[in-house]
Amino acid sequence: MTKPQDKLRGWAAARKALLSGLRFTSLRLRLVVVFGLVALTAAVSASGIAYWLNREAVLTRTQDAVLRDFQQEMRNHASMLPVHPAQDELQRTAGQMANSSQRFSVLLTAEDVSGRMITGNSELDTFTLEDVPKSLQKAVNKQQPLSSSNTSAYHLYWQRITEHDKPYLVGGARVIDGSTTGYMLKSLEPEAKDLNSLAWSLGIATGLALIGSALLAQAAATTVLKPVHRLGIAARRLGEGKLDTRLRVSGTDELADLSRTFNRTAEALEKRVADMSARDEASRRFVADMSHELRTPLTAITAVTEILEEELDAETGSVDPMIEPAVRLVVSETRRLGDLVENLMEVTRFDAGTARLILDDVDITDQITACIDARAWLDAVELDAERGMTARLDPRRLDVILANLIGNALKHGGSPVRVSVRMEGEGEELVIEVQDHGPGIPEDVLPHVFDRFYKASASRPRSEGSGLGLSIALENAHIHGGEIIAANAPKGGAVFTLRLPQDASEILADDPQGRNGSAHGNGTEGTAG
C-alpha cells in the first residue's frame, strides 16, 4: 500500500522534473517569451482601459437618455394625475409613459380615496415592486428638506441590476405633491451585446498583437543571434585547432566589435601557436640531431669501454687497482649514456609521429617469459598467466613496455614482483598487471610518474635510469590504442595496469596519417631505458 509520504515525494519529484524541463535554455526562446510578455501586458492594459472607457461611455449615454425621458414623462403624465387616482387612471398613464422613445417599462403607485395602495403597470404585471431594490424605493420615497440649494423635496434615483443574467437599469421618482411614485425598468442587453462585441474585438486585437510581437521577436532574435551563432561556431572551430578561423565583420554595433575582437584574438593565438610549434619543432630536431651526432663518438667510446671491461674481468689483472673504480664508473656511465641516447631517439620518433607498429601474433605468456629471462629476472618475478593467450600486437614494443614496468617495480618496489595476465570484454582486451611489494607511490607523485625526466625526490636527481622509461612505455601503449594506469594496491605496493586491444589491426585501419606499419612493412626500431 502506498503511503501518503511516498505520494508527496513522488509528486515533488515529478514537479521538480517538470520545472527542470521547462527551464529556458535557449536565448531565442527567452527573447520571444520576453517580447510576448511585454506585448501581452501592453495589449491587455490598452484593451482593458479602452473597454472600461467605452463601457462607461455607452452605459452613461444610454442611462442619461433613459432617465431624461423618464423624468420628462413623469412631468408630462404622472404629474397630471389627481391626488388619489383610480386604478384605471394609473394603468392608462403607465401605458402612455411607456410609449416614449426609449421604450422602457413603467410602474406607477399611489393611494386611492380609501387609502389603499394601487399600482399601474405598462407590461401587464411583468414589472412589479419586487423588481425594484428596497434601497432604491427607500431613497425615492424619502422627502428631502428644502433649502436654497435644494428646491425639490423628491429626486430621481437610479440603479443598475442584473436579473436572470441580464443587465437592467431601474429608476424611480415621485411627483412634487408626493401623491404618485413612478418606476421605470430599461433593459441594457443591447448595450451589453455591443460591449461583448467590443470585448471580443479587443481580445482578437490582443491576440494579433501577441502573434505580431512573437514574429517581431523571432525576427529580432534572428538578427541578434545570427552573429552570436556564427561566433559560437567559430569558437568551436578554434577550439578544435582550426586557428585560421575568422569571422566576417559588417556594421559598427557591439556585435561587430565583438567579431573584430574575436578575429584579433584568433590571429594572435594563431601566431603564438605557430611560434610555439616552430620552437617545438626546432627543439625536437635539435634532440634528434644531437642523438644522431652522439651515436658515432658513443659507438667508439662503447667499444673502448667494452675492452676496458674485459680487462677488468680478466684474471691477469692488467688494470691498476688504483684506477679500477674509475674505469668501472666510466663503463657504467657510458652504458647509461648509450641508453639515454637510444631513449631520446625513441622519444623523438613519437613526437615526430614516425613511430610505427609492426604487428604479429604474439603468445603473451611466452613473450613475458622471454622478457623476464633475457634480463635475468626469473628469480625475482612471479608470473600468473594461462597458456595459450594470444594477441595481435607489436612484440618489440610490448617487450619495451614490460621491461620498463617490471624493471621499474624491481628498482623502486623490490621483489617479488607479481605479473598477472587476463583477458576482459569477452577476450577483446588484454590486461597485464605488474605489482610490487614496496611502500607504494606517494599520492603527490602518482600524477607525474609518466612525465619525462620526472624524479620523485628532488634531493636525488641522479639515478641509474634515464627518467624516460615509463614515458616511453606509455607512448608504446598509446600507439597500440591502449593505456597504462598507475595506482597503489590496497595492501601496499604499486600496481601498474596495462590495457591493450587484443587485436591492434583496427588501429592501423583507423590511422589517418599512415604512421603505423604492418608485419610486412619497414618498422622504425627503437629501445627503451
Protein backbone atom coordinates (compact mmCIF):
# COMPACT_ATOMS: atom_id res chain seq x y z
CA MET A 1 0.00 0.00 0.00
CA THR A 2 1.37 3.41 -0.97
CA LYS A 3 1.97 5.77 1.92
CA PRO A 4 0.91 9.45 1.71
CA GLN A 5 4.54 10.49 2.28
CA ASP A 6 5.63 8.45 -0.73
CA LYS A 7 2.93 10.09 -2.86
CA LEU A 8 4.07 13.54 -1.74
CA ARG A 9 7.69 12.71 -2.50
CA GLY A 10 6.72 11.36 -5.92
CA TRP A 11 4.67 14.46 -6.69
CA ALA A 12 7.53 16.71 -5.59
CA ALA A 13 9.99 14.79 -7.78
CA ALA A 14 7.64 15.00 -10.77
CA ARG A 15 7.13 18.72 -10.22
CA LYS A 16 10.87 19.28 -9.99
CA ALA A 17 11.44 17.32 -13.20
CA LEU A 18 8.71 19.30 -14.97
CA LEU A 19 10.16 22.63 -13.87
CA SER A 20 13.60 21.46 -14.90
CA GLY A 21 12.24 20.54 -18.32
CA LEU A 22 10.56 23.95 -18.67
CA ARG A 23 13.73 25.85 -17.80
CA PHE A 24 14.60 28.24 -20.56
CA THR A 25 17.88 27.10 -22.10
CA SER A 26 17.60 28.96 -25.41
CA LEU A 27 18.33 32.66 -25.72
CA ARG A 28 15.99 32.80 -28.72
CA LEU A 29 13.17 31.32 -26.64
CA ARG A 30 13.82 33.77 -23.82
CA LEU A 31 13.72 36.71 -26.24
CA VAL A 32 10.44 35.53 -27.76
CA VAL A 33 8.91 34.99 -24.31
CA VAL A 34 10.03 38.41 -23.07
CA PHE A 35 8.73 40.14 -26.21
CA GLY A 36 5.48 38.21 -25.88
CA LEU A 37 5.04 39.11 -22.21
CA VAL A 38 5.72 42.79 -22.89
CA ALA A 39 3.31 42.82 -25.84
CA LEU A 40 0.70 40.89 -23.88
CA THR A 41 0.95 43.24 -20.93
CA ALA A 42 0.71 46.32 -23.15
CA ALA A 43 -2.17 44.91 -25.23
CA VAL A 44 -4.13 43.73 -22.21
CA SER A 45 -3.63 47.06 -20.45
CA ALA A 46 -4.64 49.06 -23.52
CA SER A 47 -7.61 46.79 -24.21
CA GLY A 48 -8.74 46.93 -20.59
CA ILE A 49 -8.57 50.71 -20.48
CA ALA A 50 -10.35 51.02 -23.85
CA TYR A 51 -13.06 48.57 -22.77
CA TRP A 52 -13.61 50.35 -19.48
CA LEU A 53 -13.81 53.80 -21.11
CA ASN A 54 -16.18 52.61 -23.85
CA ARG A 55 -18.31 50.70 -21.37
CA GLU A 56 -18.77 53.75 -19.17
CA ALA A 57 -19.43 55.94 -22.18
CA VAL A 58 -22.04 53.58 -23.65
CA LEU A 59 -23.81 52.92 -20.36
CA THR A 60 -23.70 56.55 -19.26
CA ARG A 61 -25.08 57.76 -22.59
CA THR A 62 -27.92 55.21 -22.55
CA GLN A 63 -28.60 55.79 -18.88
CA ASP A 64 -28.77 59.59 -19.23
CA ALA A 65 -31.08 59.38 -22.24
CA VAL A 66 -33.45 56.94 -20.48
CA LEU A 67 -33.52 58.90 -17.23
CA ARG A 68 -34.16 62.23 -19.04
CA ASP A 69 -37.01 60.67 -20.99
CA PHE A 70 -38.47 59.08 -17.85
CA GLN A 71 -38.25 62.35 -15.96
CA GLN A 72 -39.94 64.15 -18.82
CA GLU A 73 -42.72 61.56 -18.93
CA MET A 74 -43.24 61.95 -15.18
CA ARG A 75 -43.74 65.69 -15.66
CA ASN A 76 -46.00 65.30 -18.68
CA HIS A 77 -48.23 62.49 -17.45
CA ALA A 78 -47.76 61.41 -13.83
CA SER A 79 -47.96 64.98 -12.52
CA MET A 80 -51.36 65.37 -14.20
CA LEU A 81 -52.93 62.60 -12.16
CA PRO A 82 -55.24 63.54 -9.29
CA VAL A 83 -54.03 63.21 -5.71
CA HIS A 84 -55.96 59.96 -5.30
CA PRO A 85 -56.14 58.43 -8.78
CA ALA A 86 -58.16 55.39 -9.72
CA GLN A 87 -56.67 52.05 -10.83
CA ASP A 88 -57.54 52.53 -14.50
CA GLU A 89 -56.05 56.02 -14.50
CA LEU A 90 -52.72 54.70 -13.22
CA GLN A 91 -52.80 51.89 -15.75
CA ARG A 92 -53.54 54.21 -18.66
CA THR A 93 -50.88 56.75 -17.59
CA ALA A 94 -48.26 53.98 -17.24
CA GLY A 95 -49.00 52.82 -20.76
CA GLN A 96 -48.69 56.35 -22.12
CA MET A 97 -45.37 56.86 -20.39
CA ALA A 98 -44.03 53.53 -21.73
CA ASN A 99 -44.67 54.67 -25.32
CA SER A 100 -41.77 57.10 -25.11
CA SER A 101 -38.80 56.97 -27.47
CA GLN A 102 -36.71 54.91 -25.01
CA ARG A 103 -39.26 52.12 -24.71
CA PHE A 104 -38.94 51.28 -21.02
CA SER A 105 -41.40 49.56 -18.67
CA VAL A 106 -43.29 51.79 -16.23
CA LEU A 107 -44.74 51.06 -12.81
CA LEU A 108 -46.87 53.71 -11.04
CA THR A 109 -48.01 53.51 -7.39
CA ALA A 110 -50.45 55.73 -5.49
CA GLU A 111 -53.19 55.66 -2.83
CA ASP A 112 -56.83 55.70 -3.81
CA VAL A 113 -59.52 57.68 -1.95
CA SER A 114 -59.81 54.88 0.62
CA GLY A 115 -56.08 54.98 1.38
CA ARG A 116 -55.39 51.63 -0.32
CA MET A 117 -52.16 51.25 -2.30
CA ILE A 118 -52.85 50.70 -6.01
CA THR A 119 -50.44 50.16 -8.93
CA GLY A 120 -50.47 50.64 -12.64
CA ASN A 121 -48.17 48.57 -14.87
CA SER A 122 -47.39 49.12 -18.52
CA GLU A 123 -46.21 45.49 -19.01
CA LEU A 124 -49.22 43.65 -17.50
CA ASP A 125 -47.69 42.87 -14.13
CA THR A 126 -44.30 41.76 -15.53
CA PHE A 127 -42.65 44.73 -13.77
CA THR A 128 -43.62 44.87 -10.08
CA LEU A 129 -42.34 46.45 -6.90
CA GLU A 130 -40.47 43.22 -6.14
CA ASP A 131 -38.21 44.04 -9.09
CA VAL A 132 -37.27 47.38 -7.53
CA PRO A 133 -34.45 47.19 -4.95
CA LYS A 134 -35.59 48.15 -1.43
CA SER A 135 -32.79 50.67 -1.15
CA LEU A 136 -34.00 52.42 -4.29
CA GLN A 137 -37.62 52.52 -3.04
CA LYS A 138 -36.45 53.99 0.24
CA ALA A 139 -34.39 56.68 -1.49
CA VAL A 140 -37.23 57.60 -3.88
CA ASN A 141 -39.88 57.94 -1.14
CA LYS A 142 -37.65 59.86 1.27
CA GLN A 143 -38.60 63.53 1.48
CA GLN A 144 -35.63 65.87 1.37
CA PRO A 145 -35.60 69.14 3.38
CA LEU A 146 -35.93 72.24 1.22
CA SER A 147 -33.12 74.78 1.13
CA SER A 148 -31.56 77.34 -1.13
CA SER A 149 -29.56 74.61 -2.81
CA ASN A 150 -32.42 72.06 -2.79
CA THR A 151 -35.69 73.30 -4.26
CA SER A 152 -37.33 69.87 -4.64
CA ALA A 153 -38.48 67.55 -1.86
CA TYR A 154 -38.13 64.43 -4.04
CA HIS A 155 -35.42 63.43 -6.51
CA LEU A 156 -34.81 60.99 -9.30
CA TYR A 157 -32.74 57.92 -8.33
CA TRP A 158 -31.46 55.03 -10.42
CA GLN A 159 -29.60 51.73 -10.04
CA ARG A 160 -28.21 49.03 -12.31
CA ILE A 161 -29.30 45.48 -11.52
CA THR A 162 -28.94 42.01 -13.02
CA GLU A 163 -31.90 39.67 -13.35
CA HIS A 164 -31.53 36.22 -14.87
CA ASP A 165 -28.02 37.14 -16.05
CA LYS A 166 -29.36 40.15 -17.94
CA PRO A 167 -28.50 43.78 -17.10
CA TYR A 168 -31.23 46.35 -16.37
CA LEU A 169 -31.46 50.00 -15.39
CA VAL A 170 -34.05 50.78 -12.69
CA GLY A 171 -35.03 54.35 -11.93
CA GLY A 172 -37.62 55.99 -9.73
CA ALA A 173 -39.09 59.40 -8.91
CA ARG A 174 -42.05 60.94 -7.08
CA VAL A 175 -44.22 63.78 -8.23
CA ILE A 176 -43.84 67.10 -6.41
CA ASP A 177 -47.02 66.81 -4.36
CA GLY A 178 -45.96 63.33 -3.29
CA SER A 179 -49.16 61.62 -4.40
CA THR A 180 -47.77 59.31 -7.15
CA THR A 181 -44.50 57.42 -7.40
CA GLY A 182 -43.18 56.15 -10.69
CA TYR A 183 -40.57 53.48 -11.51
CA MET A 184 -39.13 52.51 -14.85
CA LEU A 185 -37.20 49.39 -15.98
CA LYS A 186 -34.94 49.53 -19.02
CA SER A 187 -33.11 46.52 -20.41
CA LEU A 188 -29.41 47.12 -21.12
CA GLU A 189 -28.99 43.88 -23.06
CA PRO A 190 -28.37 45.59 -26.44
CA GLU A 191 -25.64 47.67 -24.85
CA ALA A 192 -24.22 44.55 -23.18
CA LYS A 193 -24.11 42.80 -26.55
CA ASP A 194 -22.32 45.77 -28.05
CA LEU A 195 -19.84 45.71 -25.18
CA ASN A 196 -19.34 41.96 -25.61
CA SER A 197 -18.62 42.53 -29.29
CA LEU A 198 -16.16 45.23 -28.29
CA ALA A 199 -14.51 42.86 -25.79
CA TRP A 200 -14.19 40.18 -28.48
CA SER A 201 -12.69 42.71 -30.88
CA LEU A 202 -10.21 43.85 -28.26
CA GLY A 203 -9.38 40.21 -27.44
CA ILE A 204 -8.74 39.45 -31.11
CA ALA A 205 -6.62 42.58 -31.37
CA THR A 206 -4.68 41.46 -28.30
CA GLY A 207 -4.11 38.02 -29.84
CA LEU A 208 -2.96 39.57 -33.12
CA ALA A 209 -0.65 41.88 -31.19
CA LEU A 210 0.77 38.87 -29.35
CA ILE A 211 1.33 36.98 -32.59
CA GLY A 212 2.87 40.07 -34.16
CA SER A 213 5.16 40.54 -31.18
CA ALA A 214 6.21 36.88 -31.39
CA LEU A 215 7.04 37.30 -35.09
CA LEU A 216 8.85 40.54 -34.34
CA ALA A 217 10.74 38.86 -31.51
CA GLN A 218 11.66 35.99 -33.83
CA ALA A 219 12.96 38.44 -36.42
CA ALA A 220 14.84 40.43 -33.77
CA ALA A 221 16.24 37.24 -32.24
CA THR A 222 17.39 36.06 -35.65
CA THR A 223 19.06 39.39 -36.31
CA VAL A 224 20.76 39.43 -32.92
CA LEU A 225 21.54 35.74 -32.51
CA LYS A 226 22.79 35.02 -36.01
CA PRO A 227 26.15 36.74 -35.33
CA VAL A 228 26.24 35.06 -31.92
CA HIS A 229 25.59 31.68 -33.57
CA ARG A 230 28.40 32.33 -36.06
CA LEU A 231 30.64 33.34 -33.18
CA GLY A 232 29.83 30.11 -31.34
CA ILE A 233 30.65 28.01 -34.44
CA ALA A 234 33.89 29.93 -34.92
CA ALA A 235 34.83 29.43 -31.26
CA ARG A 236 34.22 25.68 -31.57
CA ARG A 237 36.33 25.52 -34.71
CA LEU A 238 39.05 27.44 -32.92
CA GLY A 239 38.84 25.01 -30.01
CA GLU A 240 39.22 22.12 -32.49
CA GLY A 241 42.56 23.56 -33.57
CA LYS A 242 41.45 25.35 -36.75
CA LEU A 243 43.34 28.51 -35.92
CA ASP A 244 42.73 30.12 -39.33
CA THR A 245 39.05 30.59 -38.44
CA ARG A 246 37.86 34.18 -38.88
CA LEU A 247 34.50 35.95 -38.74
CA ARG A 248 33.05 38.17 -41.43
CA VAL A 249 32.59 41.63 -39.89
CA SER A 250 29.88 44.04 -41.02
CA GLY A 251 28.43 47.04 -39.26
CA THR A 252 29.59 49.17 -36.35
CA ASP A 253 27.49 47.83 -33.49
CA GLU A 254 28.61 45.91 -30.40
CA LEU A 255 28.37 42.54 -32.17
CA ALA A 256 30.64 43.81 -34.92
CA ASP A 257 33.14 44.96 -32.27
CA LEU A 258 32.92 41.51 -30.68
CA SER A 259 33.64 39.88 -34.05
CA ARG A 260 36.65 42.13 -34.58
CA THR A 261 37.93 41.27 -31.12
CA PHE A 262 37.49 37.56 -31.86
CA ASN A 263 39.41 37.90 -35.15
CA ARG A 264 42.26 39.76 -33.43
CA THR A 265 42.37 37.15 -30.68
CA ALA A 266 42.35 34.27 -33.17
CA GLU A 267 45.10 35.93 -35.19
CA ALA A 268 47.24 36.45 -32.10
CA LEU A 269 46.59 32.87 -30.98
CA GLU A 270 47.49 31.50 -34.41
CA LYS A 271 50.74 33.45 -34.41
CA ARG A 272 51.57 32.34 -30.86
CA VAL A 273 50.83 28.69 -31.65
CA ALA A 274 52.83 28.91 -34.87
CA ASP A 275 55.80 30.33 -32.95
CA MET A 276 55.49 27.65 -30.28
CA SER A 277 55.18 24.93 -32.92
CA ALA A 278 58.25 26.25 -34.68
CA ARG A 279 60.22 26.30 -31.43
CA ASP A 280 58.95 22.82 -30.53
CA GLU A 281 59.88 21.51 -33.95
CA ALA A 282 63.31 23.10 -33.66
CA SER A 283 63.71 21.56 -30.20
CA ARG A 284 62.72 18.10 -31.46
CA ARG A 285 65.01 18.44 -34.45
CA PHE A 286 67.84 19.51 -32.15
CA VAL A 287 67.31 16.48 -29.89
CA ALA A 288 67.13 14.14 -32.86
CA ASP A 289 70.23 15.64 -34.50
CA MET A 290 72.08 15.62 -31.21
CA SER A 291 71.16 11.98 -30.62
CA HIS A 292 72.35 11.00 -34.10
CA GLU A 293 75.53 13.01 -33.74
CA LEU A 294 76.26 11.40 -30.39
CA ARG A 295 75.89 7.87 -31.71
CA THR A 296 79.14 7.97 -33.73
CA PRO A 297 81.50 9.04 -30.92
CA LEU A 298 79.44 6.99 -28.46
CA THR A 299 80.00 3.87 -30.58
CA ALA A 300 83.75 4.39 -30.38
CA ILE A 301 83.61 5.09 -26.65
CA THR A 302 81.45 2.00 -26.12
CA ALA A 303 84.00 -0.16 -27.97
CA VAL A 304 86.79 1.16 -25.76
CA THR A 305 84.79 0.66 -22.56
CA GLU A 306 83.98 -2.91 -23.59
CA ILE A 307 87.69 -3.58 -23.92
CA LEU A 308 88.32 -1.97 -20.53
CA GLU A 309 85.52 -4.06 -19.03
CA GLU A 310 87.06 -7.22 -20.46
CA GLU A 311 90.39 -6.22 -18.93
CA LEU A 312 88.66 -5.69 -15.57
CA ASP A 313 87.11 -9.15 -15.73
CA ALA A 314 90.31 -10.81 -16.94
CA GLU A 315 92.23 -12.96 -14.47
CA THR A 316 95.56 -11.38 -15.40
CA GLY A 317 94.61 -8.17 -13.52
CA SER A 318 96.30 -5.88 -16.05
CA VAL A 319 94.35 -2.85 -14.79
CA ASP A 320 95.95 -0.89 -12.00
CA PRO A 321 93.84 -1.37 -8.83
CA MET A 322 94.10 2.37 -8.15
CA ILE A 323 92.21 3.26 -11.32
CA GLU A 324 89.85 0.26 -11.35
CA PRO A 325 86.94 2.21 -9.69
CA ALA A 326 87.31 4.99 -12.23
CA VAL A 327 87.29 2.51 -15.10
CA ARG A 328 84.16 0.81 -13.75
CA LEU A 329 82.49 4.22 -13.40
CA VAL A 330 83.37 5.08 -17.00
CA VAL A 331 81.96 1.75 -18.20
CA SER A 332 78.73 2.24 -16.22
CA GLU A 333 78.20 5.82 -17.29
CA THR A 334 78.99 5.00 -20.92
CA ARG A 335 76.32 2.29 -20.86
CA ARG A 336 73.89 4.74 -19.22
CA LEU A 337 74.70 7.39 -21.83
CA GLY A 338 74.04 4.88 -24.61
CA ASP A 339 70.63 4.03 -23.12
CA LEU A 340 69.81 7.72 -22.80
CA VAL A 341 70.68 8.41 -26.44
CA GLU A 342 68.55 5.48 -27.62
CA ASN A 343 65.66 6.64 -25.44
CA LEU A 344 65.93 10.18 -26.75
CA MET A 345 65.79 8.89 -30.32
CA GLU A 346 62.71 6.83 -29.47
CA VAL A 347 61.05 9.86 -27.89
CA THR A 348 61.77 11.98 -30.97
CA ARG A 349 60.08 9.32 -33.14
CA PHE A 350 56.93 9.54 -31.03
CA ASP A 351 56.98 13.35 -31.06
CA ALA A 352 57.53 13.47 -34.81
CA GLY A 353 54.78 10.90 -35.45
CA THR A 354 57.09 8.48 -37.24
CA ALA A 355 56.81 5.60 -34.76
CA ARG A 356 55.27 2.57 -36.47
CA LEU A 357 53.70 -0.68 -35.40
CA ILE A 358 54.94 -3.99 -36.76
CA LEU A 359 52.16 -6.37 -35.82
CA ASP A 360 52.43 -10.09 -35.30
CA ASP A 361 50.50 -12.79 -33.47
CA VAL A 362 52.08 -12.97 -30.03
CA ASP A 363 51.76 -15.64 -27.33
CA ILE A 364 51.51 -13.39 -24.29
CA THR A 365 52.85 -15.87 -21.75
CA ASP A 366 55.85 -16.75 -23.92
CA GLN A 367 56.52 -13.06 -24.59
CA ILE A 368 56.54 -12.16 -20.87
CA THR A 369 58.69 -15.20 -20.01
CA ALA A 370 61.21 -14.26 -22.72
CA CYS A 371 61.33 -10.66 -21.46
CA ILE A 372 62.00 -11.81 -17.87
CA ASP A 373 64.53 -14.46 -18.90
CA ALA A 374 66.50 -12.09 -21.14
CA ARG A 375 67.07 -9.77 -18.19
CA ALA A 376 67.74 -12.49 -15.61
CA TRP A 377 64.69 -11.65 -13.54
CA LEU A 378 63.27 -15.16 -13.23
CA ASP A 379 64.05 -15.42 -9.50
CA ALA A 380 62.50 -12.02 -8.70
CA VAL A 381 59.27 -12.17 -10.74
CA GLU A 382 56.16 -14.28 -10.24
CA LEU A 383 54.10 -14.85 -13.40
CA ASP A 384 50.37 -15.58 -13.16
CA ALA A 385 49.24 -16.26 -16.71
CA GLU A 386 47.41 -19.03 -18.50
CA ARG A 387 48.99 -20.64 -21.51
CA GLY A 388 47.55 -20.09 -24.97
CA MET A 389 46.53 -16.41 -24.67
CA THR A 390 47.41 -14.67 -27.93
CA ALA A 391 47.10 -11.14 -29.22
CA ARG A 392 47.99 -9.33 -32.42
CA LEU A 393 50.50 -6.72 -31.25
CA ASP A 394 53.97 -5.36 -31.92
CA PRO A 395 56.19 -7.80 -29.97
CA ARG A 396 59.17 -5.45 -29.75
CA ARG A 397 57.11 -2.62 -28.31
CA LEU A 398 55.32 -4.99 -25.92
CA ASP A 399 58.77 -6.12 -24.72
CA VAL A 400 59.76 -2.47 -24.17
CA ILE A 401 56.62 -1.87 -22.11
CA LEU A 402 57.09 -4.99 -19.98
CA ALA A 403 60.80 -4.34 -19.46
CA ASN A 404 60.14 -0.82 -18.23
CA LEU A 405 57.24 -1.75 -15.94
CA ILE A 406 58.91 -4.80 -14.39
CA GLY A 407 62.29 -3.09 -14.17
CA ASN A 408 60.73 -0.06 -12.51
CA ALA A 409 58.93 -2.34 -10.00
CA LEU A 410 62.15 -4.19 -9.14
CA LYS A 411 64.15 -0.98 -8.81
CA HIS A 412 61.73 1.05 -6.70
CA GLY A 413 59.39 -1.53 -5.14
CA GLY A 414 61.54 -4.55 -4.57
CA SER A 415 60.93 -8.20 -5.20
CA PRO A 416 58.96 -10.29 -5.51
CA VAL A 417 57.18 -8.60 -8.41
CA ARG A 418 53.92 -10.25 -9.48
CA VAL A 419 52.80 -10.12 -13.12
CA SER A 420 49.16 -11.10 -13.73
CA VAL A 421 47.62 -11.55 -17.19
CA ARG A 422 43.94 -11.87 -18.12
CA MET A 423 41.52 -11.18 -20.96
CA GLU A 424 38.48 -8.93 -20.43
CA GLY A 425 35.48 -7.95 -22.51
CA GLU A 426 34.96 -11.43 -23.99
CA GLY A 427 38.60 -11.62 -24.99
CA GLU A 428 38.71 -8.20 -26.70
CA GLU A 429 41.13 -6.55 -24.25
CA LEU A 430 44.44 -7.74 -22.82
CA VAL A 431 45.11 -6.69 -19.22
CA ILE A 432 48.56 -7.07 -17.63
CA GLU A 433 49.11 -6.02 -14.01
CA VAL A 434 52.59 -5.50 -12.56
CA GLN A 435 52.56 -5.27 -8.76
CA ASP A 436 55.49 -4.89 -6.39
CA HIS A 437 55.72 -5.23 -2.62
CA GLY A 438 57.31 -1.89 -1.85
CA PRO A 439 55.96 1.12 0.03
CA GLY A 440 53.86 2.28 -2.91
CA ILE A 441 53.83 5.59 -4.78
CA PRO A 442 53.22 8.83 -2.83
CA GLU A 443 49.92 10.48 -3.73
CA ASP A 444 51.65 13.66 -4.93
CA VAL A 445 53.87 11.60 -7.24
CA LEU A 446 51.12 9.48 -8.87
CA PRO A 447 50.03 12.15 -11.40
CA HIS A 448 53.65 12.57 -12.60
CA VAL A 449 55.01 9.01 -12.82
CA PHE A 450 54.77 9.05 -16.63
CA ASP A 451 56.29 12.53 -17.05
CA ARG A 452 59.61 12.70 -18.85
CA PHE A 453 62.69 13.10 -16.62
CA TYR A 454 60.47 13.31 -13.53
CA LYS A 455 62.20 12.48 -10.24
CA ALA A 456 60.11 11.62 -7.21
CA SER A 457 62.72 13.14 -4.90
CA ALA A 458 64.35 16.46 -5.72
CA SER A 459 67.25 15.58 -3.40
CA ARG A 460 68.14 12.58 -5.60
CA PRO A 461 68.08 13.95 -9.15
CA ARG A 462 70.63 11.40 -10.32
CA SER A 463 69.75 7.70 -10.63
CA GLU A 464 70.61 4.74 -12.81
CA GLY A 465 67.61 5.31 -15.07
CA SER A 466 67.15 7.99 -17.72
CA GLY A 467 63.76 9.14 -16.44
CA LEU A 468 62.21 8.24 -19.81
CA GLY A 469 61.33 4.56 -19.35
CA LEU A 470 57.77 4.91 -18.09
CA SER A 471 57.07 7.72 -20.57
CA ILE A 472 58.22 5.51 -23.46
CA ALA A 473 56.17 2.61 -22.11
CA LEU A 474 53.06 4.82 -22.06
CA GLU A 475 53.70 6.04 -25.63
CA ASN A 476 54.07 2.42 -26.80
CA ALA A 477 50.75 1.60 -25.12
CA HIS A 478 49.07 4.60 -26.77
CA ILE A 479 50.33 3.66 -30.23
CA HIS A 480 48.58 0.30 -29.74
CA GLY A 481 45.39 2.11 -28.73
CA GLY A 482 45.90 1.11 -25.08
CA GLU A 483 46.62 2.71 -21.73
CA ILE A 484 48.74 2.31 -18.59
CA ILE A 485 47.33 3.26 -15.19
CA ALA A 486 49.45 3.68 -12.07
CA ALA A 487 47.91 3.13 -8.63
CA ASN A 488 48.59 1.76 -5.16
CA ALA A 489 47.35 -1.66 -4.06
CA PRO A 490 45.05 -1.73 -1.02
CA LYS A 491 47.52 -3.96 0.88
CA GLY A 492 50.58 -1.97 -0.13
CA GLY A 493 52.81 -1.73 -3.14
CA ALA A 494 52.44 -0.05 -6.51
CA VAL A 495 50.32 -1.51 -9.32
CA PHE A 496 50.78 -0.66 -12.99
CA THR A 497 47.87 -1.86 -15.16
CA LEU A 498 48.49 -2.20 -18.90
CA ARG A 499 45.41 -2.42 -21.12
CA LEU A 500 45.83 -3.24 -24.81
CA PRO A 501 43.36 -4.28 -27.51
CA GLN A 502 43.55 -7.98 -28.32
CA ASP A 503 43.92 -7.06 -32.00
CA ALA A 504 45.66 -3.77 -32.85
CA SER A 505 44.88 -4.13 -36.57
CA GLU A 506 41.97 -1.71 -36.14
CA ILE A 507 44.47 0.95 -35.03
CA LEU A 508 46.25 0.58 -38.37
CA ALA A 509 42.96 0.82 -40.27
CA ASP A 510 41.90 3.97 -38.38
CA ASP A 511 45.28 5.72 -38.61
CA PRO A 512 44.62 8.72 -40.93
CA GLN A 513 48.32 9.61 -41.28
CA GLY A 514 49.63 6.13 -42.02
CA ARG A 515 52.09 6.32 -39.16
CA ASN A 516 51.72 2.64 -38.33
CA GLY A 517 53.08 -0.12 -40.48
CA SER A 518 52.20 -3.80 -40.78
CA ALA A 519 54.02 -7.04 -40.13
CA HIS A 520 55.34 -6.92 -43.68
CA GLY A 521 56.38 -3.25 -43.65
CA ASN A 522 59.51 -1.48 -42.55
CA GLY A 523 59.28 -0.55 -38.86
CA THR A 524 61.40 2.02 -37.14
CA GLU A 525 63.35 0.25 -34.44
CA GLY A 526 63.94 1.78 -31.02
CA THR A 527 64.87 0.85 -27.48
CA ALA A 528 63.65 1.78 -24.06
CA GLY A 529 65.62 2.60 -20.99
